[in-house]
N, C-alpha and C. Protein backbone atom coordinates (compact mmCIF):
# COMPACT_ATOMS: atom_id res chain seq x y z
N MET A 1 -5.99 0.61 -16.22
CA MET A 1 -6.41 1.20 -14.94
C MET A 1 -5.81 2.58 -14.85
N ASN A 2 -6.44 3.49 -14.48
CA ASN A 2 -5.87 4.90 -14.24
C ASN A 2 -5.67 5.07 -12.73
N LEU A 3 -4.54 4.92 -12.23
CA LEU A 3 -4.50 5.11 -10.72
C LEU A 3 -4.22 6.59 -10.34
N ASP A 4 -4.28 7.53 -11.34
CA ASP A 4 -4.35 8.98 -11.04
C ASP A 4 -5.77 9.30 -10.51
N VAL A 5 -6.69 8.52 -10.67
CA VAL A 5 -8.09 8.80 -10.32
C VAL A 5 -8.26 8.27 -8.87
N LYS A 6 -8.74 8.99 -7.99
CA LYS A 6 -9.00 8.60 -6.60
C LYS A 6 -10.26 7.83 -6.59
N SER A 7 -10.30 6.52 -6.34
CA SER A 7 -11.42 5.70 -6.20
C SER A 7 -11.20 4.48 -5.34
N THR A 8 -12.16 4.01 -4.69
CA THR A 8 -12.11 2.88 -3.78
C THR A 8 -11.50 1.74 -4.62
N GLU A 9 -11.98 1.54 -5.82
CA GLU A 9 -11.40 0.41 -6.60
C GLU A 9 -9.86 0.50 -6.73
N ASN A 10 -9.34 1.82 -6.96
CA ASN A 10 -7.92 1.96 -7.11
C ASN A 10 -7.29 1.69 -5.77
N VAL A 11 -7.77 2.04 -4.64
CA VAL A 11 -7.22 1.81 -3.34
C VAL A 11 -7.07 0.36 -3.17
N GLU A 12 -8.30 -0.41 -3.44
CA GLU A 12 -8.14 -1.75 -3.41
C GLU A 12 -7.05 -2.51 -4.31
N PHE A 13 -6.96 -2.06 -5.47
CA PHE A 13 -6.02 -2.57 -6.36
C PHE A 13 -4.58 -2.30 -5.87
N MET A 14 -4.33 -1.10 -5.45
CA MET A 14 -2.95 -0.77 -5.03
C MET A 14 -2.59 -1.63 -3.82
N ILE A 15 -3.54 -1.70 -2.73
CA ILE A 15 -3.27 -2.59 -1.52
C ILE A 15 -3.04 -3.96 -2.02
N GLU A 16 -3.77 -4.56 -2.81
CA GLU A 16 -3.51 -5.91 -3.13
C GLU A 16 -2.26 -6.14 -3.90
N GLN A 17 -1.84 -5.28 -4.70
CA GLN A 17 -0.56 -5.32 -5.45
C GLN A 17 0.67 -5.09 -4.42
N ILE A 18 0.47 -4.21 -3.44
CA ILE A 18 1.48 -4.04 -2.48
C ILE A 18 1.66 -5.44 -1.56
N LYS A 19 0.54 -5.86 -1.16
CA LYS A 19 0.61 -7.16 -0.47
C LYS A 19 1.43 -8.24 -1.23
N GLU A 20 1.00 -8.29 -2.70
CA GLU A 20 1.60 -9.51 -3.32
C GLU A 20 3.25 -9.14 -3.43
N LYS A 21 3.48 -7.94 -3.77
CA LYS A 21 4.97 -7.57 -4.04
C LYS A 21 5.78 -7.76 -2.72
N LEU A 22 5.13 -7.27 -1.55
CA LEU A 22 6.03 -7.47 -0.33
C LEU A 22 5.92 -8.83 0.23
N LYS A 23 5.02 -9.63 -0.39
CA LYS A 23 4.76 -10.99 0.10
C LYS A 23 4.38 -10.93 1.61
N VAL A 24 3.29 -10.23 1.82
CA VAL A 24 2.76 -9.96 3.24
C VAL A 24 2.34 -11.38 3.80
N LEU A 25 2.83 -11.86 4.83
CA LEU A 25 2.46 -13.16 5.27
C LEU A 25 1.09 -13.11 6.03
N ASN A 26 0.92 -12.12 6.87
CA ASN A 26 -0.38 -11.91 7.62
C ASN A 26 -1.35 -11.03 6.66
N LEU A 27 -2.06 -11.76 5.79
CA LEU A 27 -2.85 -11.10 4.85
C LEU A 27 -3.99 -10.24 5.54
N GLY A 28 -4.35 -10.61 6.74
CA GLY A 28 -5.40 -9.80 7.38
C GLY A 28 -4.87 -8.50 7.89
N ALA A 29 -3.62 -8.36 8.06
CA ALA A 29 -2.98 -7.17 8.61
C ALA A 29 -3.18 -5.97 7.70
N ILE A 30 -3.25 -6.13 6.35
CA ILE A 30 -3.31 -5.08 5.40
C ILE A 30 -4.64 -5.43 4.51
N LYS A 31 -5.75 -4.61 4.66
CA LYS A 31 -6.88 -4.77 3.92
C LYS A 31 -7.27 -3.50 3.31
N PRO A 32 -7.80 -3.68 2.01
CA PRO A 32 -8.17 -2.34 1.40
C PRO A 32 -9.29 -1.44 2.14
N THR A 33 -10.03 -2.19 3.04
CA THR A 33 -10.99 -1.35 3.86
C THR A 33 -10.35 -0.65 5.03
N HIS A 34 -8.96 -0.77 5.30
CA HIS A 34 -8.26 -0.10 6.32
C HIS A 34 -7.88 1.28 5.73
N PHE A 35 -8.15 1.54 4.43
CA PHE A 35 -7.64 2.84 3.73
C PHE A 35 -8.80 3.52 3.01
N ASP A 36 -8.85 4.81 3.02
CA ASP A 36 -9.78 5.40 2.28
C ASP A 36 -9.16 6.41 1.22
N GLU A 37 -10.08 7.15 0.55
CA GLU A 37 -9.46 8.00 -0.49
C GLU A 37 -8.85 9.22 0.02
N GLU A 38 -9.08 9.54 1.26
CA GLU A 38 -8.50 10.63 2.00
C GLU A 38 -6.99 10.61 1.88
N MET A 39 -6.43 9.51 2.03
CA MET A 39 -4.90 9.25 2.07
C MET A 39 -4.44 8.77 0.71
N TYR A 40 -5.18 9.02 -0.39
CA TYR A 40 -4.93 8.41 -1.66
C TYR A 40 -3.51 8.82 -2.16
N THR A 41 -3.15 10.10 -2.19
CA THR A 41 -1.93 10.58 -2.64
C THR A 41 -0.79 9.90 -2.01
N GLU A 42 -0.79 9.76 -0.61
CA GLU A 42 0.25 9.17 0.12
C GLU A 42 0.36 7.73 -0.32
N LEU A 43 -0.83 6.95 -0.41
CA LEU A 43 -0.72 5.55 -0.70
C LEU A 43 -0.18 5.31 -2.08
N LYS A 44 -0.54 6.12 -3.02
CA LYS A 44 -0.10 6.02 -4.39
C LYS A 44 1.36 6.23 -4.50
N GLU A 45 1.95 7.09 -3.57
CA GLU A 45 3.52 7.39 -3.57
C GLU A 45 4.04 6.10 -3.04
N ILE A 46 3.58 5.50 -2.01
CA ILE A 46 4.10 4.25 -1.41
C ILE A 46 4.00 3.12 -2.61
N TYR A 47 2.78 3.09 -3.22
CA TYR A 47 2.63 2.04 -4.22
C TYR A 47 3.68 2.27 -5.35
N ASP A 48 3.87 3.47 -5.74
CA ASP A 48 4.86 3.71 -6.84
C ASP A 48 6.36 3.21 -6.36
N HIS A 49 6.64 3.57 -5.28
CA HIS A 49 8.02 3.23 -4.67
C HIS A 49 8.08 1.73 -4.67
N ILE A 50 7.17 1.02 -4.12
CA ILE A 50 7.35 -0.44 -4.01
C ILE A 50 7.40 -1.10 -5.40
N MET A 51 6.51 -0.60 -6.38
CA MET A 51 6.42 -1.28 -7.64
C MET A 51 7.67 -1.09 -8.57
N LYS A 52 8.43 -0.06 -8.18
CA LYS A 52 9.63 0.29 -9.11
C LYS A 52 10.89 -0.54 -8.51
N ARG A 53 10.73 -1.11 -7.40
CA ARG A 53 12.00 -1.93 -6.61
C ARG A 53 11.76 -3.39 -6.75
N ASP A 54 12.84 -4.07 -6.97
CA ASP A 54 12.83 -5.59 -6.95
C ASP A 54 12.91 -6.16 -5.70
N SER A 55 13.65 -5.63 -4.79
CA SER A 55 13.77 -6.20 -3.35
C SER A 55 13.91 -5.11 -2.35
N PHE A 56 13.59 -5.62 -1.04
CA PHE A 56 13.70 -4.67 0.03
C PHE A 56 14.50 -5.40 1.13
N SER A 57 15.25 -4.44 1.82
CA SER A 57 16.02 -4.92 3.17
C SER A 57 14.87 -5.11 4.13
N PRO A 58 15.24 -5.86 5.34
CA PRO A 58 14.28 -5.95 6.33
C PRO A 58 13.95 -4.54 6.93
N ASN A 59 14.94 -3.73 7.01
CA ASN A 59 14.66 -2.26 7.56
C ASN A 59 13.66 -1.51 6.71
N GLU A 60 13.77 -1.75 5.27
CA GLU A 60 12.99 -0.99 4.40
C GLU A 60 11.56 -1.67 4.48
N MET A 61 11.31 -2.98 4.61
CA MET A 61 10.13 -3.51 4.84
C MET A 61 9.49 -2.92 6.16
N GLN A 62 10.22 -2.73 7.35
CA GLN A 62 9.66 -2.31 8.37
C GLN A 62 9.17 -0.93 8.24
N ALA A 63 9.91 -0.15 7.53
CA ALA A 63 9.61 1.24 7.33
C ALA A 63 8.29 1.50 6.51
N LEU A 64 8.25 0.66 5.47
CA LEU A 64 7.07 0.60 4.56
C LEU A 64 5.81 0.09 5.39
N ALA A 65 5.98 -0.88 6.20
CA ALA A 65 4.91 -1.24 7.11
C ALA A 65 4.49 -0.33 8.07
N GLU A 66 5.45 0.59 8.56
CA GLU A 66 5.02 1.55 9.45
C GLU A 66 4.28 2.78 8.61
N GLU A 67 4.77 3.04 7.49
CA GLU A 67 4.06 4.02 6.67
C GLU A 67 2.73 3.69 6.40
N LEU A 68 2.50 2.38 5.93
CA LEU A 68 1.14 1.88 5.63
C LEU A 68 0.27 1.89 7.02
N GLY A 69 0.78 1.71 8.07
CA GLY A 69 0.12 1.73 9.35
C GLY A 69 -0.30 3.18 9.59
N ASN A 70 0.64 4.08 9.37
CA ASN A 70 0.23 5.50 9.50
C ASN A 70 -0.85 6.05 8.75
N LEU A 71 -1.10 5.36 7.53
CA LEU A 71 -2.24 5.87 6.65
C LEU A 71 -3.56 5.08 6.91
N ARG A 72 -3.59 4.18 7.85
CA ARG A 72 -4.83 3.47 8.05
C ARG A 72 -5.86 4.40 8.64
N LYS A 73 -7.09 4.12 8.31
CA LYS A 73 -8.26 4.87 8.92
C LYS A 73 -8.16 4.84 10.38
N ARG A 74 -8.54 5.87 11.09
CA ARG A 74 -8.40 5.84 12.59
C ARG A 74 -9.89 5.73 12.98
């Protein structure tokens, strides 16, 4: 999968991977449909950051959740 290509499928893949890595308990809180390709670059940056880390502090988790919230479609 080439995540350098902006596509709906890549957005869906990244969101699902983020949810799995962060062990999101409220799975309905983050859905691929909440995001679009307009914010692809920012979402990819968050995805890359999350994937290269093994663990996150509670404060980091909060900051990541806020960033994802800021990227949601309005």
